[in-house]
């Protein structure tokens, strides 16, 4: 199975990006976690992205806040799918990060999840890898069934409270 890279612009993003790691572990997907800054270490970002496919990666998850260019910089140097995770900021609540990721120029897409949505980024990465991995497809199906069962149980509990 191909690996997933979990890249963050700063170690302060780890609290959010841990959600991606948790789901990658849950699905048994190999991963590597790195801190690479689009602005402070641009050469490292270029090198990582340019060699990611040959190093066994299938998807890159990039989490960054403020001027959140990490996903776009990585996407510029690879043909692998890049999923951006905008990190919530104190100034604009993450809107600045979100807009930095979703407003990519034509030809350099970065799939972007919700602000602080690292868990969904990992699930999306798993769905991408599952296109070529039936075992992973089955794990995702079981995960969705588990979620549905959880909602059904909550519905039953709440419904019983308000039934006259």
C-alpha atoms as a PDB file:
ATOM      1  CA  UNK A   1       0.000   0.000   0.000  1.00  0.00           C
ATOM      2  CA  UNK A   2       1.212   3.494  -0.759  1.00  0.00           C
ATOM      3  CA  UNK A   3       2.023   5.815   2.126  1.00  0.00           C
ATOM      4  CA  UNK A   4       0.399   9.118   3.039  1.00  0.00           C
ATOM      5  CA  UNK A   5       2.551  12.122   3.869  1.00  0.00           C
ATOM      6  CA  UNK A   6       1.235  14.332   6.655  1.00  0.00           C
ATOM      7  CA  UNK A   7       3.073  17.623   6.282  1.00  0.00           C
ATOM      8  CA  UNK A   8       2.565  20.624   8.518  1.00  0.00           C
ATOM      9  CA  UNK A   9       3.993  24.087   8.230  1.00  0.00           C
ATOM     10  CA  UNK A  10       4.814  24.332  11.930  1.00  0.00           C
ATOM     11  CA  UNK A  11       4.963  22.052  14.931  1.00  0.00           C
ATOM     12  CA  UNK A  12       2.168  24.183  16.407  1.00  0.00           C
ATOM     13  CA  UNK A  13      -0.127  22.510  13.829  1.00  0.00           C
ATOM     14  CA  UNK A  14       0.410  19.056  15.349  1.00  0.00           C
ATOM     15  CA  UNK A  15      -2.634  19.281  17.617  1.00  0.00           C
ATOM     16  CA  UNK A  16      -4.877  19.536  14.556  1.00  0.00           C
ATOM     17  CA  UNK A  17      -2.890  17.220  12.293  1.00  0.00           C
ATOM     18  CA  UNK A  18      -2.957  14.462  14.926  1.00  0.00           C
ATOM     19  CA  UNK A  19      -6.527  13.840  13.745  1.00  0.00           C
ATOM     20  CA  UNK A  20      -5.175  12.747  10.357  1.00  0.00           C
ATOM     21  CA  UNK A  21      -2.594  10.473  11.952  1.00  0.00           C
ATOM     22  CA  UNK A  22      -5.259   8.856  14.133  1.00  0.00           C
ATOM     23  CA  UNK A  23      -7.427   7.943  11.134  1.00  0.00           C
ATOM     24  CA  UNK A  24      -4.494   6.746   9.037  1.00  0.00           C
ATOM     25  CA  UNK A  25      -3.581   4.421  11.922  1.00  0.00           C
ATOM     26  CA  UNK A  26      -7.182   3.275  12.231  1.00  0.00           C
ATOM     27  CA  UNK A  27      -7.242   2.235   8.565  1.00  0.00           C
ATOM     28  CA  UNK A  28      -3.769   0.691   8.703  1.00  0.00           C
ATOM     29  CA  UNK A  29      -2.312   3.137   6.196  1.00  0.00           C
ATOM     30  CA  UNK A  30       1.427   3.723   6.431  1.00  0.00           C
ATOM     31  CA  UNK A  31       2.335   7.377   6.856  1.00  0.00           C
ATOM     32  CA  UNK A  32       5.144   9.782   7.518  1.00  0.00           C
ATOM     33  CA  UNK A  33       4.771  13.034   9.472  1.00  0.00           C
ATOM     34  CA  UNK A  34       7.003  16.017   8.684  1.00  0.00           C
ATOM     35  CA  UNK A  35       7.322  19.735   9.450  1.00  0.00           C
ATOM     36  CA  UNK A  36       8.163  21.568   6.226  1.00  0.00           C
ATOM     37  CA  UNK A  37       7.481  25.260   5.784  1.00  0.00           C
ATOM     38  CA  UNK A  38       6.477  26.667   2.405  1.00  0.00           C
ATOM     39  CA  UNK A  39       8.104  29.962   3.363  1.00  0.00           C
ATOM     40  CA  UNK A  40      10.963  29.063   5.703  1.00  0.00           C
ATOM     41  CA  UNK A  41      12.144  25.868   3.973  1.00  0.00           C
ATOM     42  CA  UNK A  42      10.888  26.134   0.382  1.00  0.00           C
ATOM     43  CA  UNK A  43      13.741  24.019  -1.015  1.00  0.00           C
ATOM     44  CA  UNK A  44      12.822  21.190   1.381  1.00  0.00           C
ATOM     45  CA  UNK A  45       9.176  21.461   0.275  1.00  0.00           C
ATOM     46  CA  UNK A  46      10.214  21.235  -3.365  1.00  0.00           C
ATOM     47  CA  UNK A  47      12.522  18.277  -2.768  1.00  0.00           C
ATOM     48  CA  UNK A  48       9.961  16.363  -0.713  1.00  0.00           C
ATOM     49  CA  UNK A  49       7.150  16.868  -3.225  1.00  0.00           C
ATOM     50  CA  UNK A  50       9.283  16.216  -6.295  1.00  0.00           C
ATOM     51  CA  UNK A  51      10.370  12.833  -4.916  1.00  0.00           C
ATOM     52  CA  UNK A  52       7.212  11.828  -3.016  1.00  0.00           C
ATOM     53  CA  UNK A  53       5.876   9.415  -5.643  1.00  0.00           C
ATOM     54  CA  UNK A  54       9.209   7.618  -6.081  1.00  0.00           C
ATOM     55  CA  UNK A  55       9.464   7.408  -2.281  1.00  0.00           C
ATOM     56  CA  UNK A  56       6.230   5.410  -2.093  1.00  0.00           C
ATOM     57  CA  UNK A  57       3.681   8.099  -1.280  1.00  0.00           C
ATOM     58  CA  UNK A  58       0.236   8.084  -2.884  1.00  0.00           C
ATOM     59  CA  UNK A  59      -1.315  11.166  -1.262  1.00  0.00           C
ATOM     60  CA  UNK A  60       0.001  14.231   0.544  1.00  0.00           C
ATOM     61  CA  UNK A  61      -1.947  15.931   3.336  1.00  0.00           C
ATOM     62  CA  UNK A  62      -0.724  19.479   3.981  1.00  0.00           C
ATOM     63  CA  UNK A  63      -1.811  21.445   7.043  1.00  0.00           C
ATOM     64  CA  UNK A  64      -1.002  25.120   7.404  1.00  0.00           C
ATOM     65  CA  UNK A  65      -2.371  28.313   8.868  1.00  0.00           C
ATOM     66  CA  UNK A  66      -2.350  32.014   8.021  1.00  0.00           C
ATOM     67  CA  UNK A  67      -0.690  32.416   4.602  1.00  0.00           C
ATOM     68  CA  UNK A  68      -1.341  28.726   4.036  1.00  0.00           C
ATOM     69  CA  UNK A  69       0.652  28.121   0.882  1.00  0.00           C
ATOM     70  CA  UNK A  70       2.113  24.744   1.856  1.00  0.00           C
ATOM     71  CA  UNK A  71      -0.420  22.639  -0.047  1.00  0.00           C
ATOM     72  CA  UNK A  72      -0.035  24.740  -3.178  1.00  0.00           C
ATOM     73  CA  UNK A  73       3.753  24.662  -3.066  1.00  0.00           C
ATOM     74  CA  UNK A  74       3.743  20.885  -2.661  1.00  0.00           C
ATOM     75  CA  UNK A  75       1.146  20.499  -5.438  1.00  0.00           C
ATOM     76  CA  UNK A  76       3.322  22.548  -7.781  1.00  0.00           C
ATOM     77  CA  UNK A  77       6.088  19.934  -7.587  1.00  0.00           C
ATOM     78  CA  UNK A  78       4.140  16.652  -7.729  1.00  0.00           C
ATOM     79  CA  UNK A  79       1.425  14.890  -9.676  1.00  0.00           C
ATOM     80  CA  UNK A  80       0.148  13.226  -6.502  1.00  0.00           C
ATOM     81  CA  UNK A  81      -3.131  14.410  -5.008  1.00  0.00           C
ATOM     82  CA  UNK A  82      -2.628  17.024  -2.300  1.00  0.00           C
ATOM     83  CA  UNK A  83      -5.255  17.552   0.386  1.00  0.00           C
ATOM     84  CA  UNK A  84      -5.077  20.842   2.250  1.00  0.00           C
ATOM     85  CA  UNK A  85      -6.072  21.248   5.883  1.00  0.00           C
ATOM     86  CA  UNK A  86      -6.572  24.911   6.753  1.00  0.00           C
ATOM     87  CA  UNK A  87      -5.536  25.496  10.351  1.00  0.00           C
ATOM     88  CA  UNK A  88      -7.629  27.823  12.513  1.00  0.00           C
ATOM     89  CA  UNK A  89      -5.922  31.117  13.257  1.00  0.00           C
ATOM     90  CA  UNK A  90      -6.500  33.744  15.904  1.00  0.00           C
ATOM     91  CA  UNK A  91      -6.872  36.575  13.394  1.00  0.00           C
ATOM     92  CA  UNK A  92      -9.570  35.280  11.040  1.00  0.00           C
ATOM     93  CA  UNK A  93     -10.580  31.966  12.593  1.00  0.00           C
ATOM     94  CA  UNK A  94      -9.039  30.004   9.718  1.00  0.00           C
ATOM     95  CA  UNK A  95     -10.787  31.824   6.882  1.00  0.00           C
ATOM     96  CA  UNK A  96      -7.417  33.208   5.808  1.00  0.00           C
ATOM     97  CA  UNK A  97      -5.990  29.674   5.683  1.00  0.00           C
ATOM     98  CA  UNK A  98      -9.025  28.304   3.878  1.00  0.00           C
ATOM     99  CA  UNK A  99      -8.929  30.961   1.179  1.00  0.00           C
ATOM    100  CA  UNK A 100      -5.185  30.485   0.690  1.00  0.00           C
ATOM    101  CA  UNK A 101      -5.854  26.825  -0.104  1.00  0.00           C
ATOM    102  CA  UNK A 102      -9.022  26.885  -2.165  1.00  0.00           C
ATOM    103  CA  UNK A 103      -8.055  29.814  -4.390  1.00  0.00           C
ATOM    104  CA  UNK A 104      -5.412  27.877  -6.311  1.00  0.00           C
ATOM    105  CA  UNK A 105      -4.650  28.790  -9.924  1.00  0.00           C
ATOM    106  CA  UNK A 106      -5.861  26.540 -12.726  1.00  0.00           C
ATOM    107  CA  UNK A 107      -3.669  23.478 -13.123  1.00  0.00           C
ATOM    108  CA  UNK A 108      -2.467  23.286  -9.499  1.00  0.00           C
ATOM    109  CA  UNK A 109      -5.409  21.848  -7.532  1.00  0.00           C
ATOM    110  CA  UNK A 110      -5.388  21.338  -3.792  1.00  0.00           C
ATOM    111  CA  UNK A 111      -8.385  19.404  -2.498  1.00  0.00           C
ATOM    112  CA  UNK A 112      -9.323  21.234   0.690  1.00  0.00           C
ATOM    113  CA  UNK A 113     -11.269  20.088   3.726  1.00  0.00           C
ATOM    114  CA  UNK A 114     -12.836  22.172   6.493  1.00  0.00           C
ATOM    115  CA  UNK A 115     -10.830  24.339   8.856  1.00  0.00           C
ATOM    116  CA  UNK A 116      -9.100  21.953  11.296  1.00  0.00           C
ATOM    117  CA  UNK A 117     -10.537  19.052   9.262  1.00  0.00           C
ATOM    118  CA  UNK A 118      -7.498  16.773   9.449  1.00  0.00           C
ATOM    119  CA  UNK A 119      -9.621  13.695  10.196  1.00  0.00           C
ATOM    120  CA  UNK A 120     -11.599  14.211   6.986  1.00  0.00           C
ATOM    121  CA  UNK A 121      -8.346  14.720   5.089  1.00  0.00           C
ATOM    122  CA  UNK A 122      -7.189  11.275   6.221  1.00  0.00           C
ATOM    123  CA  UNK A 123     -10.522   9.703   5.307  1.00  0.00           C
ATOM    124  CA  UNK A 124     -10.358  11.339   1.861  1.00  0.00           C
ATOM    125  CA  UNK A 125      -6.782  10.085   1.438  1.00  0.00           C
ATOM    126  CA  UNK A 126      -7.975   6.591   2.382  1.00  0.00           C
ATOM    127  CA  UNK A 127     -10.746   6.807  -0.223  1.00  0.00           C
ATOM    128  CA  UNK A 128      -8.188   7.813  -2.863  1.00  0.00           C
ATOM    129  CA  UNK A 129      -5.895   4.908  -1.981  1.00  0.00           C
ATOM    130  CA  UNK A 130      -8.872   2.529  -1.844  1.00  0.00           C
ATOM    131  CA  UNK A 131      -9.364   2.967  -5.588  1.00  0.00           C
ATOM    132  CA  UNK A 132      -6.597   0.371  -5.925  1.00  0.00           C
ATOM    133  CA  UNK A 133      -6.953  -1.514  -2.632  1.00  0.00           C
ATOM    134  CA  UNK A 134     -10.003  -3.697  -1.929  1.00  0.00           C
ATOM    135  CA  UNK A 135      -9.004  -4.305   1.689  1.00  0.00           C
ATOM    136  CA  UNK A 136      -8.992  -0.579   2.329  1.00  0.00           C
ATOM    137  CA  UNK A 137     -12.346  -0.283   0.542  1.00  0.00           C
ATOM    138  CA  UNK A 138     -13.773  -2.833   2.984  1.00  0.00           C
ATOM    139  CA  UNK A 139     -12.341  -0.948   5.971  1.00  0.00           C
ATOM    140  CA  UNK A 140     -13.961   2.262   4.730  1.00  0.00           C
ATOM    141  CA  UNK A 141     -17.298   0.495   4.215  1.00  0.00           C
ATOM    142  CA  UNK A 142     -17.131  -0.869   7.765  1.00  0.00           C
ATOM    143  CA  UNK A 143     -16.280   2.607   9.061  1.00  0.00           C
ATOM    144  CA  UNK A 144     -19.311   4.120   7.303  1.00  0.00           C
ATOM    145  CA  UNK A 145     -21.552   1.337   8.604  1.00  0.00           C
ATOM    146  CA  UNK A 146     -20.254   1.984  12.129  1.00  0.00           C
ATOM    147  CA  UNK A 147     -21.069   5.676  11.780  1.00  0.00           C
ATOM    148  CA  UNK A 148     -24.577   4.852  10.552  1.00  0.00           C
ATOM    149  CA  UNK A 149     -25.133   2.522  13.506  1.00  0.00           C
ATOM    150  CA  UNK A 150     -24.009   5.277  15.861  1.00  0.00           C
ATOM    151  CA  UNK A 151     -26.469   7.747  14.372  1.00  0.00           C
ATOM    152  CA  UNK A 152     -29.284   5.179  14.531  1.00  0.00           C
ATOM    153  CA  UNK A 153     -28.556   4.557  18.223  1.00  0.00           C
ATOM    154  CA  UNK A 154     -28.567   8.294  18.947  1.00  0.00           C
ATOM    155  CA  UNK A 155     -31.821   8.693  17.010  1.00  0.00           C
ATOM    156  CA  UNK A 156     -33.442   5.918  19.018  1.00  0.00           C
ATOM    157  CA  UNK A 157     -32.292   7.435  22.326  1.00  0.00           C
ATOM    158  CA  UNK A 158     -33.392  10.984  21.460  1.00  0.00           C
ATOM    159  CA  UNK A 159     -36.627   9.890  19.851  1.00  0.00           C
ATOM    160  CA  UNK A 160     -37.563   7.917  22.974  1.00  0.00           C
ATOM    161  CA  UNK A 161     -37.035  11.018  25.132  1.00  0.00           C
ATOM    162  CA  UNK A 162     -39.546  13.035  23.130  1.00  0.00           C
ATOM    163  CA  UNK A 163     -42.192  10.439  22.365  1.00  0.00           C
ATOM    164  CA  UNK A 164     -45.473  11.044  24.149  1.00  0.00           C
END
